[in-house]
Amino acid sequence: YADSVKGRFTISRDGAKMTVYLQMNSLNPEDTAVYSCAGS
């Protein structure tokens, strides 16, 4: 995690659904952005 989101955001994955999630809590205006998923 980036330091700016530690403790507020949680990333997880579901292999059966081939899906990655980003749970975002305690959002603040500084979190406003376009969020993109990426694979490596």
PDB file of all heavy atoms in Angstrom:
ATOM      1  N   TYR A   1       0.823  -1.191   0.000  1.00  0.00           N
ATOM      2  CA  TYR A   1       0.000   0.000   0.000  1.00  0.00           C
ATOM      3  C   TYR A   1       0.865   1.251   0.000  1.00  0.00           C
ATOM      4  O   TYR A   1       1.949   1.278   0.581  1.00  0.00           O
ATOM      5  CB  TYR A   1      -0.887   0.041   1.248  1.00  0.00           C
ATOM      6  CG  TYR A   1      -1.914  -1.059   1.311  1.00  0.00           C
ATOM      7  CD1 TYR A   1      -1.646  -2.241   1.987  1.00  0.00           C
ATOM      8  CD2 TYR A   1      -3.150  -0.915   0.681  1.00  0.00           C
ATOM      9  CE1 TYR A   1      -2.581  -3.258   2.041  1.00  0.00           C
ATOM     10  CE2 TYR A   1      -4.099  -1.922   0.731  1.00  0.00           C
ATOM     11  CZ  TYR A   1      -3.802  -3.095   1.412  1.00  0.00           C
ATOM     12  OH  TYR A   1      -4.735  -4.100   1.460  1.00  0.00           O
ATOM     13  N   ALA A   2       0.337   2.286  -0.630  1.00  0.00           N
ATOM     14  CA  ALA A   2       0.945   3.598  -0.494  1.00  0.00           C
ATOM     15  C   ALA A   2       0.695   4.100   0.927  1.00  0.00           C
ATOM     16  O   ALA A   2      -0.347   3.791   1.530  1.00  0.00           O
ATOM     17  CB  ALA A   2       0.340   4.568  -1.503  1.00  0.00           C
ATOM     18  N   ASP A   3       1.615   4.854   1.459  1.00  0.00           N
ATOM     19  CA  ASP A   3       1.475   5.356   2.824  1.00  0.00           C
ATOM     20  C   ASP A   3       0.196   6.168   2.987  1.00  0.00           C
ATOM     21  O   ASP A   3      -0.427   6.152   4.056  1.00  0.00           O
ATOM     22  CB  ASP A   3       2.682   6.220   3.196  1.00  0.00           C
ATOM     23  CG  ASP A   3       3.939   5.393   3.408  1.00  0.00           C
ATOM     24  OD1 ASP A   3       3.823   4.160   3.587  1.00  0.00           O
ATOM     25  OD2 ASP A   3       5.035   5.983   3.384  1.00  0.00           O
ATOM     26  N   SER A   4      -0.212   6.860   1.946  1.00  0.00           N
ATOM     27  CA  SER A   4      -1.372   7.747   2.032  1.00  0.00           C
ATOM     28  C   SER A   4      -2.689   7.000   2.202  1.00  0.00           C
ATOM     29  O   SER A   4      -3.692   7.609   2.599  1.00  0.00           O
ATOM     30  CB  SER A   4      -1.446   8.630   0.781  1.00  0.00           C
ATOM     31  OG  SER A   4      -1.543   7.831  -0.387  1.00  0.00           O
ATOM     32  N   VAL A   5      -2.696   5.697   1.929  1.00  0.00           N
ATOM     33  CA  VAL A   5      -3.954   4.945   2.023  1.00  0.00           C
ATOM     34  C   VAL A   5      -3.902   3.815   3.046  1.00  0.00           C
ATOM     35  O   VAL A   5      -4.920   3.155   3.293  1.00  0.00           O
ATOM     36  CB  VAL A   5      -4.373   4.371   0.649  1.00  0.00           C
ATOM     37  CG1 VAL A   5      -4.419   5.479  -0.401  1.00  0.00           C
ATOM     38  CG2 VAL A   5      -3.457   3.240   0.212  1.00  0.00           C
ATOM     39  N   LYS A   6      -2.741   3.594   3.644  1.00  0.00           N
ATOM     40  CA  LYS A   6      -2.619   2.520   4.638  1.00  0.00           C
ATOM     41  C   LYS A   6      -3.610   2.717   5.767  1.00  0.00           C
ATOM     42  O   LYS A   6      -3.762   3.818   6.295  1.00  0.00           O
ATOM     43  CB  LYS A   6      -1.197   2.480   5.197  1.00  0.00           C
ATOM     44  CG  LYS A   6      -0.207   1.741   4.344  1.00  0.00           C
ATOM     45  CD  LYS A   6       1.168   1.727   4.980  1.00  0.00           C
ATOM     46  CE  LYS A   6       2.178   1.060   4.080  1.00  0.00           C
ATOM     47  NZ  LYS A   6       3.548   1.114   4.637  1.00  0.00           N
ATOM     48  N   GLY A   7      -4.282   1.642   6.127  1.00  0.00           N
ATOM     49  CA  GLY A   7      -5.255   1.711   7.202  1.00  0.00           C
ATOM     50  C   GLY A   7      -6.636   2.146   6.742  1.00  0.00           C
ATOM     51  O   GLY A   7      -7.607   2.032   7.504  1.00  0.00           O
ATOM     52  N   ARG A   8      -6.752   2.647   5.516  1.00  0.00           N
ATOM     53  CA  ARG A   8      -8.052   3.076   5.001  1.00  0.00           C
ATOM     54  C   ARG A   8      -8.508   2.222   3.819  1.00  0.00           C
ATOM     55  O   ARG A   8      -9.697   1.971   3.658  1.00  0.00           O
ATOM     56  CB  ARG A   8      -7.986   4.539   4.546  1.00  0.00           C
ATOM     57  CG  ARG A   8      -7.629   5.519   5.643  1.00  0.00           C
ATOM     58  CD  ARG A   8      -7.786   6.953   5.164  1.00  0.00           C
ATOM     59  NE  ARG A   8      -6.926   7.279   4.038  1.00  0.00           N
ATOM     60  CZ  ARG A   8      -7.355   7.770   2.877  1.00  0.00           C
ATOM     61  NH1 ARG A   8      -8.656   7.975   2.685  1.00  0.00           N
ATOM     62  NH2 ARG A   8      -6.506   8.055   1.899  1.00  0.00           N
ATOM     63  N   PHE A   9      -7.561   1.806   2.985  1.00  0.00           N
ATOM     64  CA  PHE A   9      -7.885   1.028   1.784  1.00  0.00           C
ATOM     65  C   PHE A   9      -7.435  -0.415   1.969  1.00  0.00           C
ATOM     66  O   PHE A   9      -6.425  -0.677   2.629  1.00  0.00           O
ATOM     67  CB  PHE A   9      -7.177   1.599   0.563  1.00  0.00           C
ATOM     68  CG  PHE A   9      -7.673   2.937   0.089  1.00  0.00           C
ATOM     69  CD1 PHE A   9      -8.520   3.726   0.859  1.00  0.00           C
ATOM     70  CD2 PHE A   9      -7.251   3.439  -1.129  1.00  0.00           C
ATOM     71  CE1 PHE A   9      -8.965   4.958   0.419  1.00  0.00           C
ATOM     72  CE2 PHE A   9      -7.683   4.670  -1.599  1.00  0.00           C
ATOM     73  CZ  PHE A   9      -8.534   5.434  -0.813  1.00  0.00           C
ATOM     74  N   THR A  10      -8.174  -1.335   1.369  1.00  0.00           N
ATOM     75  CA  THR A  10      -7.820  -2.747   1.401  1.00  0.00           C
ATOM     76  C   THR A  10      -7.955  -3.334   0.005  1.00  0.00           C
ATOM     77  O   THR A  10      -9.017  -3.217  -0.614  1.00  0.00           O
ATOM     78  CB  THR A  10      -8.720  -3.527   2.370  1.00  0.00           C
ATOM     79  OG1 THR A  10      -8.623  -2.959   3.680  1.00  0.00           O
ATOM     80  CG2 THR A  10      -8.296  -4.987   2.424  1.00  0.00           C
ATOM     81  N   ILE A  11      -6.886  -3.956  -0.469  1.00  0.00           N
ATOM     82  CA  ILE A  11      -6.926  -4.638  -1.759  1.00  0.00           C
ATOM     83  C   ILE A  11      -7.087  -6.138  -1.518  1.00  0.00           C
ATOM     84  O   ILE A  11      -6.512  -6.693  -0.576  1.00  0.00           O
ATOM     85  CB  ILE A  11      -5.650  -4.334  -2.592  1.00  0.00           C
ATOM     86  CG1 ILE A  11      -5.792  -4.866  -4.021  1.00  0.00           C
ATOM     87  CG2 ILE A  11      -4.401  -4.880  -1.912  1.00  0.00           C
ATOM     88  CD1 ILE A  11      -4.668  -4.413  -4.956  1.00  0.00           C
ATOM     89  N   SER A  12      -7.886  -6.768  -2.364  1.00  0.00           N
ATOM     90  CA  SER A  12      -8.103  -8.211  -2.248  1.00  0.00           C
ATOM     91  C   SER A  12      -8.397  -8.775  -3.628  1.00  0.00           C
ATOM     92  O   SER A  12      -8.595  -8.024  -4.584  1.00  0.00           O
ATOM     93  CB  SER A  12      -9.261  -8.497  -1.290  1.00  0.00           C
ATOM     94  OG  SER A  12     -10.469  -7.938  -1.782  1.00  0.00           O
ATOM     95  N   ARG A  13      -8.406 -10.102  -3.723  1.00  0.00           N
ATOM     96  CA  ARG A  13      -8.730 -10.722  -5.001  1.00  0.00           C
ATOM     97  C   ARG A  13      -9.576 -11.953  -4.786  1.00  0.00           C
ATOM     98  O   ARG A  13      -9.491 -12.618  -3.750  1.00  0.00           O
ATOM     99  CB  ARG A  13      -7.466 -11.050  -5.825  1.00  0.00           C
ATOM    100  CG  ARG A  13      -6.800 -12.402  -5.493  1.00  0.00           C
ATOM    101  CD  ARG A  13      -5.778 -12.229  -4.423  1.00  0.00           C
ATOM    102  NE  ARG A  13      -4.986 -13.439  -4.237  1.00  0.00           N
ATOM    103  CZ  ARG A  13      -5.117 -14.245  -3.203  1.00  0.00           C
ATOM    104  NH1 ARG A  13      -6.040 -13.997  -2.276  1.00  0.00           N
ATOM    105  NH2 ARG A  13      -4.326 -15.302  -3.080  1.00  0.00           N
ATOM    106  N   ASP A  14     -10.378 -12.254  -5.809  1.00  0.00           N
ATOM    107  CA  ASP A  14     -11.218 -13.446  -5.827  1.00  0.00           C
ATOM    108  C   ASP A  14     -10.852 -14.218  -7.087  1.00  0.00           C
ATOM    109  O   ASP A  14     -11.205 -13.830  -8.190  1.00  0.00           O
ATOM    110  CB  ASP A  14     -12.690 -13.040  -5.838  1.00  0.00           C
ATOM    111  CG  ASP A  14     -13.629 -14.224  -5.777  1.00  0.00           C
ATOM    112  OD1 ASP A  14     -13.260 -15.306  -6.274  1.00  0.00           O
ATOM    113  OD2 ASP A  14     -14.738 -14.078  -5.246  1.00  0.00           O
ATOM    114  N   GLY A  15     -10.107 -15.318  -6.906  1.00  0.00           N
ATOM    115  CA  GLY A  15      -9.637 -16.069  -8.049  1.00  0.00           C
ATOM    116  C   GLY A  15     -10.746 -16.655  -8.881  1.00  0.00           C
ATOM    117  O   GLY A  15     -10.663 -16.694 -10.115  1.00  0.00           O
ATOM    118  N   ALA A  16     -11.783 -17.108  -8.233  1.00  0.00           N
ATOM    119  CA  ALA A  16     -12.892 -17.729  -8.975  1.00  0.00           C
ATOM    120  C   ALA A  16     -13.582 -16.719  -9.884  1.00  0.00           C
ATOM    121  O   ALA A  16     -14.054 -17.070 -10.966  1.00  0.00           O
ATOM    122  CB  ALA A  16     -13.896 -18.331  -8.010  1.00  0.00           C
ATOM    123  N   LYS A  17     -13.629 -15.485  -9.450  1.00  0.00           N
ATOM    124  CA  LYS A  17     -14.288 -14.442 -10.241  1.00  0.00           C
ATOM    125  C   LYS A  17     -13.293 -13.640 -11.069  1.00  0.00           C
ATOM    126  O   LYS A  17     -13.712 -12.721 -11.780  1.00  0.00           O
ATOM    127  CB  LYS A  17     -15.060 -13.500  -9.319  1.00  0.00           C
ATOM    128  CG  LYS A  17     -16.211 -14.161  -8.585  1.00  0.00           C
ATOM    129  CD  LYS A  17     -16.952 -13.159  -7.715  1.00  0.00           C
ATOM    130  CE  LYS A  17     -18.128 -13.822  -7.006  1.00  0.00           C
ATOM    131  NZ  LYS A  17     -18.876 -12.873  -6.144  1.00  0.00           N
ATOM    132  N   MET A  18     -12.006 -13.947 -10.943  1.00  0.00           N
ATOM    133  CA  MET A  18     -10.964 -13.218 -11.677  1.00  0.00           C
ATOM    134  C   MET A  18     -11.111 -11.722 -11.441  1.00  0.00           C
ATOM    135  O   MET A  18     -10.996 -10.906 -12.361  1.00  0.00           O
ATOM    136  CB  MET A  18     -11.032 -13.536 -13.177  1.00  0.00           C
ATOM    137  CG  MET A  18     -10.772 -14.985 -13.504  1.00  0.00           C
ATOM    138  SD  MET A  18      -9.099 -15.476 -13.008  1.00  0.00           S
ATOM    139  CE  MET A  18      -8.135 -14.561 -14.186  1.00  0.00           C
ATOM    140  N   THR A  19     -11.318 -11.374 -10.201  1.00  0.00           N
ATOM    141  CA  THR A  19     -11.611  -9.988  -9.850  1.00  0.00           C
ATOM    142  C   THR A  19     -10.714  -9.519  -8.714  1.00  0.00           C
ATOM    143  O   THR A  19     -10.472 -10.256  -7.757  1.00  0.00           O
ATOM    144  CB  THR A  19     -13.087  -9.836  -9.444  1.00  0.00           C
ATOM    145  OG1 THR A  19     -13.916 -10.253 -10.530  1.00  0.00           O
ATOM    146  CG2 THR A  19     -13.411  -8.389  -9.095  1.00  0.00           C
ATOM    147  N   VAL A  20     -10.235  -8.293  -8.853  1.00  0.00           N
ATOM    148  CA  VAL A  20      -9.462  -7.625  -7.810  1.00  0.00           C
ATOM    149  C   VAL A  20     -10.316  -6.466  -7.286  1.00  0.00           C
ATOM    150  O   VAL A  20     -10.934  -5.745  -8.068  1.00  0.00           O
ATOM    151  CB  VAL A  20      -8.125  -7.097  -8.355  1.00  0.00           C
ATOM    152  CG1 VAL A  20      -7.362  -6.337  -7.277  1.00  0.00           C
ATOM    153  CG2 VAL A  20      -7.284  -8.246  -8.888  1.00  0.00           C
ATOM    154  N   TYR A  21     -10.317  -6.322  -5.983  1.00  0.00           N
ATOM    155  CA  TYR A  21     -11.139  -5.291  -5.347  1.00  0.00           C
ATOM    156  C   TYR A  21     -10.255  -4.267  -4.634  1.00  0.00           C
ATOM    157  O   TYR A  21      -9.158  -4.577  -4.186  1.00  0.00           O
ATOM    158  CB  TYR A  21     -12.074  -5.914  -4.317  1.00  0.00           C
ATOM    159  CG  TYR A  21     -13.007  -6.958  -4.875  1.00  0.00           C
ATOM    160  CD1 TYR A  21     -12.724  -8.316  -4.733  1.00  0.00           C
ATOM    161  CD2 TYR A  21     -14.171  -6.591  -5.549  1.00  0.00           C
ATOM    162  CE1 TYR A  21     -13.574  -9.281  -5.242  1.00  0.00           C
ATOM    163  CE2 TYR A  21     -15.032  -7.547  -6.066  1.00  0.00           C
ATOM    164  CZ  TYR A  21     -14.722  -8.892  -5.913  1.00  0.00           C
ATOM    165  OH  TYR A  21     -15.567  -9.844  -6.427  1.00  0.00           O
ATOM    166  N   LEU A  22     -10.801  -3.069  -4.531  1.00  0.00           N
ATOM    167  CA  LEU A  22     -10.176  -2.038  -3.699  1.00  0.00           C
ATOM    168  C   LEU A  22     -11.271  -1.448  -2.828  1.00  0.00           C
ATOM    169  O   LEU A  22     -12.119  -0.696  -3.311  1.00  0.00           O
ATOM    170  CB  LEU A  22      -9.506  -0.956  -4.544  1.00  0.00           C
ATOM    171  CG  LEU A  22      -8.738   0.091  -3.735  1.00  0.00           C
ATOM    172  CD1 LEU A  22      -7.502  -0.548  -3.074  1.00  0.00           C
ATOM    173  CD2 LEU A  22      -8.310   1.274  -4.604  1.00  0.00           C
ATOM    174  N   GLN A  23     -11.274  -1.842  -1.561  1.00  0.00           N
ATOM    175  CA  GLN A  23     -12.211  -1.296  -0.599  1.00  0.00           C
ATOM    176  C   GLN A  23     -11.621  -0.011  -0.042  1.00  0.00           C
ATOM    177  O   GLN A  23     -10.519  -0.031   0.523  1.00  0.00           O
ATOM    178  CB  GLN A  23     -12.472  -2.288   0.524  1.00  0.00           C
ATOM    179  CG  GLN A  23     -13.398  -1.779   1.614  1.00  0.00           C
ATOM    180  CD  GLN A  23     -14.812  -1.548   1.125  1.00  0.00           C
ATOM    181  OE1 GLN A  23     -15.370  -2.372   0.409  1.00  0.00           O
ATOM    182  NE2 GLN A  23     -15.408  -0.426   1.514  1.00  0.00           N
ATOM    183  N   MET A  24     -12.350   1.085  -0.204  1.00  0.00           N
ATOM    184  CA  MET A  24     -11.851   2.390   0.217  1.00  0.00           C
ATOM    185  C   MET A  24     -12.753   2.949   1.300  1.00  0.00           C
ATOM    186  O   MET A  24     -13.952   3.190   1.060  1.00  0.00           O
ATOM    187  CB  MET A  24     -11.802   3.344  -0.981  1.00  0.00           C
ATOM    188  CG  MET A  24     -11.013   2.794  -2.163  1.00  0.00           C
ATOM    189  SD  MET A  24     -10.822   3.985  -3.501  1.00  0.00           S
ATOM    190  CE  MET A  24     -12.521   4.172  -4.021  1.00  0.00           C
ATOM    191  N   ASN A  25     -12.203   3.141   2.481  1.00  0.00           N
ATOM    192  CA  ASN A  25     -12.940   3.679   3.622  1.00  0.00           C
ATOM    193  C   ASN A  25     -12.354   5.028   4.038  1.00  0.00           C
ATOM    194  O   ASN A  25     -11.235   5.370   3.664  1.00  0.00           O
ATOM    195  CB  ASN A  25     -12.902   2.705   4.792  1.00  0.00           C
ATOM    196  CG  ASN A  25     -13.518   1.365   4.468  1.00  0.00           C
ATOM    197  OD1 ASN A  25     -14.464   1.265   3.681  1.00  0.00           O
ATOM    198  ND2 ASN A  25     -12.995   0.313   5.074  1.00  0.00           N
ATOM    199  N   SER A  26     -13.119   5.767   4.807  1.00  0.00           N
ATOM    200  CA  SER A  26     -12.675   7.065   5.324  1.00  0.00           C
ATOM    201  C   SER A  26     -12.137   7.946   4.205  1.00  0.00           C
ATOM    202  O   SER A  26     -11.072   8.552   4.321  1.00  0.00           O
ATOM    203  CB  SER A  26     -11.603   6.866   6.407  1.00  0.00           C
ATOM    204  OG  SER A  26     -12.100   6.090   7.465  1.00  0.00           O
ATOM    205  N   LEU A  27     -12.879   8.006   3.139  1.00  0.00           N
ATOM    206  CA  LEU A  27     -12.436   8.783   1.984  1.00  0.00           C
ATOM    207  C   LEU A  27     -12.413  10.267   2.292  1.00  0.00           C
ATOM    208  O   LEU A  27     -13.231  10.775   3.073  1.00  0.00           O
ATOM    209  CB  LEU A  27     -13.350   8.514   0.790  1.00  0.00           C
ATOM    210  CG  LEU A  27     -13.148   7.145   0.124  1.00  0.00           C
ATOM    211  CD1 LEU A  27     -14.357   6.763  -0.715  1.00  0.00           C
ATOM    212  CD2 LEU A  27     -11.892   7.148  -0.723  1.00  0.00           C
ATOM    213  N   ASN A  28     -11.474  10.963   1.693  1.00  0.00           N
ATOM    214  CA  ASN A  28     -11.390  12.408   1.838  1.00  0.00           C
ATOM    215  C   ASN A  28     -11.207  13.032   0.453  1.00  0.00           C
ATOM    216  O   ASN A  28     -10.904  12.323  -0.518  1.00  0.00           O
ATOM    217  CB  ASN A  28     -10.259  12.798   2.788  1.00  0.00           C
ATOM    218  CG  ASN A  28      -8.913  12.265   2.337  1.00  0.00           C
ATOM    219  OD1 ASN A  28      -8.436  12.625   1.268  1.00  0.00           O
ATOM    220  ND2 ASN A  28      -8.305  11.404   3.147  1.00  0.00           N
ATOM    221  N   PRO A  29     -11.410  14.334   0.328  1.00  0.00           N
ATOM    222  CA  PRO A  29     -11.342  14.969  -1.001  1.00  0.00           C
ATOM    223  C   PRO A  29     -10.022  14.733  -1.725  1.00  0.00           C
ATOM    224  O   PRO A  29      -9.994  14.733  -2.960  1.00  0.00           O
ATOM    225  CB  PRO A  29     -11.565  16.447  -0.676  1.00  0.00           C
ATOM    226  CG  PRO A  29     -12.432  16.427   0.544  1.00  0.00           C
ATOM    227  CD  PRO A  29     -11.924  15.267   1.345  1.00  0.00           C
ATOM    228  N   GLU A  30      -8.946  14.520  -0.985  1.00  0.00           N
ATOM    229  CA  GLU A  30      -7.645  14.263  -1.612  1.00  0.00           C
ATOM    230  C   GLU A  30      -7.601  12.916  -2.336  1.00  0.00           C
ATOM    231  O   GLU A  30      -6.672  12.647  -3.100  1.00  0.00           O
ATOM    232  CB  GLU A  30      -6.521  14.328  -0.588  1.00  0.00           C
ATOM    233  CG  GLU A  30      -6.222  15.726  -0.034  1.00  0.00           C
ATOM    234  CD  GLU A  30      -7.322  16.245   0.875  1.00  0.00           C
ATOM    235  OE1 GLU A  30      -7.893  15.438   1.637  1.00  0.00           O
ATOM    236  OE2 GLU A  30      -7.626  17.461   0.800  1.00  0.00           O
ATOM    237  N   ASP A  31      -8.586  12.064  -2.088  1.00  0.00           N
ATOM    238  CA  ASP A  31      -8.654  10.771  -2.777  1.00  0.00           C
ATOM    239  C   ASP A  31      -9.345  10.885  -4.134  1.00  0.00           C
ATOM    240  O   ASP A  31      -9.406   9.899  -4.871  1.00  0.00           O
ATOM    241  CB  ASP A  31      -9.407   9.752  -1.920  1.00  0.00           C
ATOM    242  CG  ASP A  31      -8.694   9.434  -0.621  1.00  0.00           C
ATOM    243  OD1 ASP A  31      -7.460   9.231  -0.654  1.00  0.00           O
ATOM    244  OD2 ASP A  31      -9.368   9.389   0.424  1.00  0.00           O
ATOM    245  N   THR A  32      -9.861  12.037  -4.467  1.00  0.00           N
ATOM    246  CA  THR A  32     -10.517  12.242  -5.748  1.00  0.00           C
ATOM    247  C   THR A  32      -9.535  12.040  -6.896  1.00  0.00           C
ATOM    248  O   THR A  32      -8.475  12.665  -6.926  1.00  0.00           O
ATOM    249  CB  THR A  32     -11.120  13.657  -5.824  1.00  0.00           C
ATOM    250  OG1 THR A  32     -12.165  13.772  -4.853  1.00  0.00           O
ATOM    251  CG2 THR A  32     -11.684  13.934  -7.211  1.00  0.00           C
ATOM    252  N   ALA A  33      -9.881  11.131  -7.815  1.00  0.00           N
ATOM    253  CA  ALA A  33      -8.990  10.807  -8.922  1.00  0.00           C
ATOM    254  C   ALA A  33      -9.670   9.787  -9.826  1.00  0.00           C
ATOM    255  O   ALA A  33     -10.712   9.227  -9.472  1.00  0.00           O
ATOM    256  CB  ALA A  33      -7.671  10.223  -8.401  1.00  0.00           C
ATOM    257  N   VAL A  34      -9.045   9.544 -10.961  1.00  0.00           N
ATOM    258  CA  VAL A  34      -9.412   8.396 -11.785  1.00  0.00           C
ATOM    259  C   VAL A  34      -8.569   7.219 -11.303  1.00  0.00           C
ATOM    260  O   VAL A  34      -7.329   7.299 -11.275  1.00  0.00           O
ATOM    261  CB  VAL A  34      -9.158   8.649 -13.277  1.00  0.00           C
ATOM    262  CG1 VAL A  34      -9.419   7.388 -14.083  1.00  0.00           C
ATOM    263  CG2 VAL A  34     -10.034   9.792 -13.768  1.00  0.00           C
ATOM    264  N   TYR A  35      -9.240   6.155 -10.934  1.00  0.00           N
ATOM    265  CA  TYR A  35      -8.557   4.960 -10.410  1.00  0.00           C
ATOM    266  C   TYR A  35      -8.490   3.908 -11.516  1.00  0.00           C
ATOM    267  O   TYR A  35      -9.512   3.561 -12.121  1.00  0.00           O
ATOM    268  CB  TYR A  35      -9.315   4.409  -9.216  1.00  0.00           C
ATOM    269  CG  TYR A  35      -9.101   5.219  -7.961  1.00  0.00           C
ATOM    270  CD1 TYR A  35      -9.649   6.498  -7.827  1.00  0.00           C
ATOM    271  CD2 TYR A  35      -8.340   4.727  -6.908  1.00  0.00           C
ATOM    272  CE1 TYR A  35      -9.433   7.261  -6.702  1.00  0.00           C
ATOM    273  CE2 TYR A  35      -8.133   5.475  -5.755  1.00  0.00           C
ATOM    274  CZ  TYR A  35      -8.683   6.742  -5.671  1.00  0.00           C
ATOM    275  OH  TYR A  35      -8.476   7.496  -4.533  1.00  0.00           O
ATOM    276  N   SER A  36      -7.288   3.398 -11.729  1.00  0.00           N
ATOM    277  CA  SER A  36      -7.072   2.413 -12.788  1.00  0.00           C
ATOM    278  C   SER A  36      -6.473   1.138 -12.229  1.00  0.00           C
ATOM    279  O   SER A  36      -5.605   1.175 -11.344  1.00  0.00           O
ATOM    280  CB  SER A  36      -6.120   2.974 -13.852  1.00  0.00           C
ATOM    281  OG  SER A  36      -6.673   4.109 -14.487  1.00  0.00           O
ATOM    282  N   CYS A  37      -6.943   0.052 -12.785  1.00  0.00           N
ATOM    283  CA  CYS A  37      -6.421  -1.264 -12.461  1.00  0.00           C
ATOM    284  C   CYS A  37      -5.287  -1.587 -13.436  1.00  0.00           C
ATOM    285  O   CYS A  37      -5.355  -1.206 -14.612  1.00  0.00           O
ATOM    286  CB  CYS A  37      -7.557  -2.270 -12.590  1.00  0.00           C
ATOM    287  SG  CYS A  37      -7.113  -3.985 -12.365  1.00  0.00           S
ATOM    288  N   ALA A  38      -4.277  -2.284 -12.962  1.00  0.00           N
ATOM    289  CA  ALA A  38      -3.152  -2.632 -13.822  1.00  0.00           C
ATOM    290  C   ALA A  38      -2.645  -4.026 -13.491  1.00  0.00           C
ATOM    291  O   ALA A  38      -2.768  -4.477 -12.351  1.00  0.00           O
ATOM    292  CB  ALA A  38      -2.027  -1.617 -13.653  1.00  0.00           C
ATOM    293  N   GLY A  39      -2.063  -4.677 -14.497  1.00  0.00           N
ATOM    294  CA  GLY A  39      -1.533  -6.014 -14.302  1.00  0.00           C
ATOM    295  C   GLY A  39      -0.084  -6.108 -14.749  1.00  0.00           C
ATOM    296  O   GLY A  39       0.294  -5.499 -15.755  1.00  0.00           O
ATOM    297  N   SER A  40       0.701  -6.868 -13.998  1.00  0.00           N
ATOM    298  CA  SER A  40       2.115  -7.020 -14.315  1.00  0.00           C
ATOM    299  C   SER A  40       2.519  -8.485 -14.289  1.00  0.00           C
ATOM    300  O   SER A  40       2.161  -9.213 -13.372  1.00  0.00           O
ATOM    301  CB  SER A  40       2.963  -6.232 -13.318  1.00  0.00           C
ATOM    302  OG  SER A  40       4.334  -6.502 -13.518  1.00  0.00           O
TER     303      SER A  40
END
